[in-house]
């Protein structure tokens, strides 16, 4: 379940970790804010990999399997 605050800030800055894991570093309202934050983090921790993703916070509903 996503919160109202998460829906207001759909741009996520994530740190890419081994084994296809990721750690959300921050959420931002604008892509430019996320990009600037990523630029600064890359200067501070150059060996880390970061990505910006768009997460609108929409809940996905699992549809029940229909067995007839």
Protein backbone atom coordinates (compact mmCIF):
# COMPACT_ATOMS: atom_id res chain seq x y z
CA UNK A 1 0.00 0.00 0.00
CA UNK A 2 1.42 3.36 -0.99
CA UNK A 3 1.02 6.43 1.10
CA UNK A 4 -0.20 9.81 -0.03
CA UNK A 5 3.33 11.22 0.37
CA UNK A 6 4.76 8.53 -1.92
CA UNK A 7 2.18 9.35 -4.59
CA UNK A 8 3.23 13.01 -4.44
CA UNK A 9 6.86 12.06 -5.13
CA UNK A 10 6.90 9.55 -7.99
CA UNK A 11 10.60 9.85 -8.93
CA UNK A 12 12.76 7.41 -6.95
CA UNK A 13 16.52 7.45 -6.69
CA UNK A 14 17.66 3.89 -6.08
CA UNK A 15 21.04 2.36 -5.42
CA UNK A 16 21.54 -0.81 -7.42
CA UNK A 17 22.81 -3.69 -5.30
CA UNK A 18 24.04 -7.20 -6.16
CA UNK A 19 21.56 -9.97 -6.99
CA UNK A 20 19.11 -7.56 -8.64
CA UNK A 21 18.28 -5.86 -5.37
CA UNK A 22 17.80 -2.15 -4.94
CA UNK A 23 17.69 0.33 -2.11
CA UNK A 24 15.53 3.43 -2.37
CA UNK A 25 17.71 6.39 -1.44
CA UNK A 26 15.05 9.06 -1.85
CA UNK A 27 11.79 10.07 -3.47
CA UNK A 28 11.37 13.33 -5.37
CA UNK A 29 8.55 15.29 -6.95
CA UNK A 30 10.60 16.30 -9.98
CA UNK A 31 13.03 14.33 -12.13
CA UNK A 32 15.50 17.22 -12.05
CA UNK A 33 15.70 17.05 -8.25
CA UNK A 34 16.38 13.31 -8.35
CA UNK A 35 19.02 13.75 -11.04
CA UNK A 36 20.85 16.47 -9.11
CA UNK A 37 20.83 14.35 -5.96
CA UNK A 38 22.20 11.41 -7.95
CA UNK A 39 24.95 13.60 -9.39
CA UNK A 40 26.08 14.60 -5.91
CA UNK A 41 25.96 11.01 -4.63
CA UNK A 42 28.07 9.84 -7.57
CA UNK A 43 30.73 12.37 -6.54
CA UNK A 44 30.65 11.22 -2.91
CA UNK A 45 30.44 7.47 -3.59
CA UNK A 46 31.79 6.89 -7.12
CA UNK A 47 31.86 3.08 -6.84
CA UNK A 48 28.09 2.83 -6.27
CA UNK A 49 25.54 2.47 -9.08
CA UNK A 50 22.40 4.59 -9.01
CA UNK A 51 19.30 4.83 -11.17
CA UNK A 52 16.23 7.05 -11.32
CA UNK A 53 12.92 5.27 -11.75
CA UNK A 54 9.36 6.48 -12.07
CA UNK A 55 7.08 4.87 -9.50
CA UNK A 56 3.58 6.32 -9.71
CA UNK A 57 2.55 4.44 -6.58
CA UNK A 58 -0.39 2.72 -8.17
CA UNK A 59 -1.38 -0.42 -6.37
CA UNK A 60 -1.47 -3.51 -8.51
CA UNK A 61 -4.36 -5.77 -7.80
CA UNK A 62 -3.81 -9.46 -8.27
CA UNK A 63 -6.61 -10.91 -10.27
CA UNK A 64 -7.80 -14.27 -8.96
CA UNK A 65 -7.08 -17.25 -11.17
CA UNK A 66 -10.21 -18.39 -12.89
CA UNK A 67 -10.58 -22.13 -12.86
CA UNK A 68 -13.66 -23.45 -14.60
